[in-house]
């Protein structure tokens, strides 16, 4: 994973020993920072998407009754022009 030209901040985190060993076995001792940075980016993006999905769901739920009322108001207009055989 290549480093993009941006400011960097050193952080100190504590991880389970086995997780660090697995990480080093996968990306090498010198690839940990880039790997962790990418994992954090992906997780943050997932959290943003989950939040947006919740907000959309809440918005749709809040508008559901209004949508049903509008649909009911136009129910007869929607059926105009249809042959009774259908």
N, C-alpha and C. Protein backbone atom coordinates (compact mmCIF):
# COMPACT_ATOMS: atom_id res chain seq x y z
N UNK A 1 0.84 -1.18 0.00
CA UNK A 1 0.00 0.00 0.00
C UNK A 1 0.89 1.23 0.00
N UNK A 2 0.66 2.14 -0.90
CA UNK A 2 1.52 3.31 -0.99
C UNK A 2 0.97 4.45 -0.13
N UNK A 3 1.89 5.23 0.37
CA UNK A 3 1.56 6.36 1.22
C UNK A 3 1.28 7.56 0.34
N UNK A 4 0.14 8.23 0.52
CA UNK A 4 -0.12 9.44 -0.23
C UNK A 4 0.53 10.61 0.49
N UNK A 5 0.85 11.68 -0.24
CA UNK A 5 1.52 12.82 0.38
C UNK A 5 0.54 13.61 1.25
N UNK A 6 0.52 13.30 2.53
CA UNK A 6 -0.35 13.99 3.47
C UNK A 6 0.34 14.02 4.82
N UNK A 7 -0.14 14.87 5.71
CA UNK A 7 0.48 14.91 7.03
C UNK A 7 0.13 13.64 7.79
N UNK A 8 1.05 13.17 8.57
CA UNK A 8 0.88 11.94 9.33
C UNK A 8 0.98 12.25 10.82
N UNK A 9 0.25 11.49 11.62
CA UNK A 9 0.29 11.61 13.07
C UNK A 9 0.60 10.24 13.65
N UNK A 10 1.55 10.21 14.54
CA UNK A 10 1.90 8.95 15.21
C UNK A 10 0.88 8.70 16.32
N UNK A 11 0.37 7.48 16.37
CA UNK A 11 -0.55 7.08 17.44
C UNK A 11 -0.02 5.82 18.11
N UNK A 12 -0.42 5.65 19.34
CA UNK A 12 -0.03 4.46 20.07
C UNK A 12 -1.30 3.68 20.38
N UNK A 13 -1.41 2.48 19.85
CA UNK A 13 -2.58 1.65 20.09
C UNK A 13 -2.14 0.32 20.68
N UNK A 14 -3.03 -0.31 21.41
CA UNK A 14 -2.76 -1.61 21.98
C UNK A 14 -3.64 -2.63 21.29
N UNK A 15 -3.01 -3.67 20.75
CA UNK A 15 -3.73 -4.72 20.03
C UNK A 15 -3.37 -6.07 20.64
N UNK A 16 -4.25 -7.04 20.51
CA UNK A 16 -3.92 -8.39 20.98
C UNK A 16 -2.68 -8.92 20.25
N UNK A 17 -1.82 -9.60 20.99
CA UNK A 17 -0.56 -10.11 20.45
C UNK A 17 -0.79 -10.96 19.20
N UNK A 18 -1.74 -11.86 19.25
CA UNK A 18 -1.99 -12.74 18.10
C UNK A 18 -2.41 -11.95 16.87
N UNK A 19 -3.19 -10.88 17.08
CA UNK A 19 -3.61 -10.04 15.96
C UNK A 19 -2.40 -9.37 15.31
N UNK A 20 -1.50 -8.88 16.12
CA UNK A 20 -0.28 -8.24 15.59
C UNK A 20 0.56 -9.26 14.84
N UNK A 21 0.70 -10.45 15.40
CA UNK A 21 1.47 -11.49 14.72
C UNK A 21 0.85 -11.85 13.37
N UNK A 22 -0.46 -11.97 13.34
CA UNK A 22 -1.15 -12.27 12.08
C UNK A 22 -0.98 -11.12 11.08
N UNK A 23 -1.05 -9.90 11.58
CA UNK A 23 -0.87 -8.73 10.73
C UNK A 23 0.52 -8.71 10.12
N UNK A 24 1.53 -8.90 10.94
CA UNK A 24 2.91 -8.91 10.45
C UNK A 24 3.15 -10.05 9.48
N UNK A 25 2.54 -11.20 9.73
CA UNK A 25 2.69 -12.33 8.81
C UNK A 25 2.06 -12.03 7.46
N UNK A 26 1.03 -11.21 7.46
CA UNK A 26 0.32 -10.89 6.20
C UNK A 26 0.97 -9.74 5.44
N UNK A 27 1.38 -8.68 6.14
CA UNK A 27 1.86 -7.48 5.45
C UNK A 27 3.30 -7.14 5.77
N UNK A 28 3.93 -7.87 6.65
CA UNK A 28 5.31 -7.56 7.03
C UNK A 28 5.35 -6.54 8.14
N UNK A 29 6.46 -6.50 8.80
CA UNK A 29 6.62 -5.60 9.95
C UNK A 29 6.53 -4.13 9.54
N UNK A 30 6.92 -3.81 8.31
CA UNK A 30 6.94 -2.42 7.88
C UNK A 30 5.67 -2.01 7.14
N UNK A 31 4.74 -2.92 6.97
CA UNK A 31 3.51 -2.58 6.25
C UNK A 31 2.30 -2.37 7.15
N UNK A 32 2.53 -2.42 8.46
CA UNK A 32 1.41 -2.35 9.41
C UNK A 32 0.67 -1.02 9.35
N UNK A 33 1.39 0.07 9.33
CA UNK A 33 0.73 1.39 9.37
C UNK A 33 -0.19 1.60 8.18
N UNK A 34 0.29 1.29 7.00
CA UNK A 34 -0.53 1.47 5.80
C UNK A 34 -1.76 0.56 5.84
N UNK A 35 -1.55 -0.66 6.29
CA UNK A 35 -2.67 -1.61 6.37
C UNK A 35 -3.71 -1.12 7.36
N UNK A 36 -3.25 -0.70 8.54
CA UNK A 36 -4.18 -0.23 9.57
C UNK A 36 -4.90 1.04 9.10
N UNK A 37 -4.18 1.94 8.45
CA UNK A 37 -4.80 3.16 7.93
C UNK A 37 -5.92 2.82 6.94
N UNK A 38 -5.66 1.88 6.04
CA UNK A 38 -6.67 1.48 5.06
C UNK A 38 -7.87 0.82 5.75
N UNK A 39 -7.60 -0.01 6.75
CA UNK A 39 -8.68 -0.67 7.49
C UNK A 39 -9.55 0.35 8.21
N UNK A 40 -8.92 1.36 8.80
CA UNK A 40 -9.67 2.42 9.49
C UNK A 40 -10.51 3.20 8.49
N UNK A 41 -9.93 3.54 7.33
CA UNK A 41 -10.69 4.25 6.28
C UNK A 41 -11.93 3.46 5.87
N UNK A 42 -11.73 2.17 5.63
CA UNK A 42 -12.85 1.33 5.20
C UNK A 42 -13.93 1.25 6.28
N UNK A 43 -13.51 1.11 7.52
CA UNK A 43 -14.48 1.01 8.61
C UNK A 43 -15.23 2.32 8.79
N UNK A 44 -14.53 3.44 8.70
CA UNK A 44 -15.20 4.74 8.80
C UNK A 44 -16.20 4.94 7.67
N UNK A 45 -15.84 4.53 6.47
CA UNK A 45 -16.76 4.63 5.34
C UNK A 45 -18.00 3.76 5.58
N UNK A 46 -17.80 2.56 6.11
CA UNK A 46 -18.93 1.69 6.41
C UNK A 46 -19.83 2.31 7.48
N UNK A 47 -19.23 2.92 8.49
CA UNK A 47 -20.02 3.59 9.53
C UNK A 47 -20.82 4.73 8.94
N UNK A 48 -20.23 5.51 8.01
CA UNK A 48 -20.96 6.60 7.36
C UNK A 48 -22.13 6.06 6.54
N UNK A 49 -21.89 4.98 5.82
CA UNK A 49 -22.96 4.38 5.02
C UNK A 49 -24.08 3.84 5.91
N UNK A 50 -23.71 3.19 7.01
CA UNK A 50 -24.72 2.68 7.94
C UNK A 50 -25.55 3.81 8.52
N UNK A 51 -24.89 4.91 8.88
CA UNK A 51 -25.60 6.07 9.43
C UNK A 51 -26.56 6.65 8.38
N UNK A 52 -26.10 6.78 7.16
CA UNK A 52 -26.95 7.30 6.09
C UNK A 52 -28.15 6.38 5.86
N UNK A 53 -27.92 5.08 5.86
CA UNK A 53 -29.01 4.12 5.67
C UNK A 53 -30.04 4.26 6.79
N UNK A 54 -29.58 4.41 8.03
CA UNK A 54 -30.51 4.59 9.16
C UNK A 54 -31.31 5.88 9.00
N UNK A 55 -30.62 6.96 8.60
CA UNK A 55 -31.30 8.24 8.43
C UNK A 55 -32.34 8.17 7.32
N UNK A 56 -31.99 7.51 6.22
CA UNK A 56 -32.95 7.36 5.13
C UNK A 56 -34.15 6.53 5.56
N UNK A 57 -33.87 5.44 6.27
CA UNK A 57 -34.95 4.58 6.75
C UNK A 57 -35.87 5.34 7.70
N UNK A 58 -35.30 6.12 8.59
CA UNK A 58 -36.10 6.91 9.52
C UNK A 58 -36.92 7.96 8.77
N UNK A 59 -36.31 8.56 7.75
CA UNK A 59 -37.02 9.56 6.95
C UNK A 59 -38.18 8.95 6.19
N UNK A 60 -37.95 7.79 5.58
CA UNK A 60 -39.03 7.12 4.86
C UNK A 60 -40.13 6.70 5.81
N UNK A 61 -39.77 6.20 6.98
CA UNK A 61 -40.77 5.77 7.95
C UNK A 61 -41.60 6.96 8.42
N UNK A 62 -40.95 8.09 8.62
CA UNK A 62 -41.66 9.29 9.07
C UNK A 62 -42.62 9.80 8.01
N UNK A 63 -42.32 9.56 6.75
CA UNK A 63 -43.17 10.04 5.65
C UNK A 63 -44.16 8.99 5.16
N UNK A 64 -44.11 7.79 5.71
CA UNK A 64 -44.94 6.69 5.20
C UNK A 64 -46.43 7.00 5.30
N UNK A 65 -46.87 7.54 6.42
CA UNK A 65 -48.30 7.84 6.58
C UNK A 65 -48.74 8.89 5.57
N UNK A 66 -47.93 9.91 5.39
CA UNK A 66 -48.26 10.95 4.41
C UNK A 66 -48.34 10.35 3.01
N UNK A 67 -47.40 9.48 2.68
CA UNK A 67 -47.40 8.85 1.36
C UNK A 67 -48.65 7.99 1.17
N UNK A 68 -49.07 7.27 2.21
CA UNK A 68 -50.30 6.47 2.12
C UNK A 68 -51.51 7.36 1.91
N UNK A 69 -51.55 8.51 2.62
CA UNK A 69 -52.67 9.43 2.47
C UNK A 69 -52.75 9.98 1.05
N UNK A 70 -51.62 10.38 0.50
CA UNK A 70 -51.58 10.90 -0.88
C UNK A 70 -51.99 9.81 -1.85
N UNK A 71 -51.49 8.62 -1.64
CA UNK A 71 -51.85 7.50 -2.51
C UNK A 71 -53.35 7.24 -2.46
N UNK A 72 -53.92 7.29 -1.28
CA UNK A 72 -55.36 7.08 -1.14
C UNK A 72 -56.14 8.20 -1.82
N UNK A 73 -55.66 9.44 -1.68
CA UNK A 73 -56.33 10.59 -2.33
C UNK A 73 -56.39 10.44 -3.84
N UNK A 74 -55.37 9.83 -4.42
CA UNK A 74 -55.30 9.71 -5.88
C UNK A 74 -55.67 8.32 -6.38
N UNK A 75 -56.16 7.46 -5.50
CA UNK A 75 -56.51 6.09 -5.88
C UNK A 75 -57.50 6.07 -7.04
N UNK A 76 -58.53 6.88 -6.97
CA UNK A 76 -59.55 6.89 -8.02
C UNK A 76 -58.99 7.45 -9.33
N UNK A 77 -58.14 8.46 -9.23
CA UNK A 77 -57.55 9.04 -10.44
C UNK A 77 -56.62 8.04 -11.11
N UNK A 78 -55.93 7.24 -10.30
CA UNK A 78 -55.03 6.24 -10.86
C UNK A 78 -55.78 5.20 -11.69
N UNK A 79 -57.02 4.96 -11.33
CA UNK A 79 -57.80 3.91 -12.01
C UNK A 79 -58.60 4.44 -13.19
N UNK A 80 -58.66 5.77 -13.35
CA UNK A 80 -59.42 6.34 -14.46
C UNK A 80 -58.86 5.86 -15.80
N UNK A 81 -59.73 5.53 -16.68
CA UNK A 81 -59.33 5.12 -18.02
C UNK A 81 -59.04 3.66 -18.16
N UNK A 82 -59.00 2.91 -17.08
CA UNK A 82 -58.77 1.47 -17.17
C UNK A 82 -60.10 0.78 -17.42
N UNK A 83 -60.08 -0.11 -18.32
CA UNK A 83 -61.27 -0.90 -18.62
C UNK A 83 -61.57 -1.79 -17.42
N UNK A 84 -62.81 -1.93 -17.08
CA UNK A 84 -63.22 -2.72 -15.92
C UNK A 84 -62.82 -4.18 -16.03
N UNK A 85 -62.48 -4.63 -17.23
CA UNK A 85 -62.08 -6.03 -17.41
C UNK A 85 -60.72 -6.32 -16.79
N UNK A 86 -59.92 -5.32 -16.56
CA UNK A 86 -58.56 -5.54 -16.06
C UNK A 86 -58.62 -5.71 -14.60
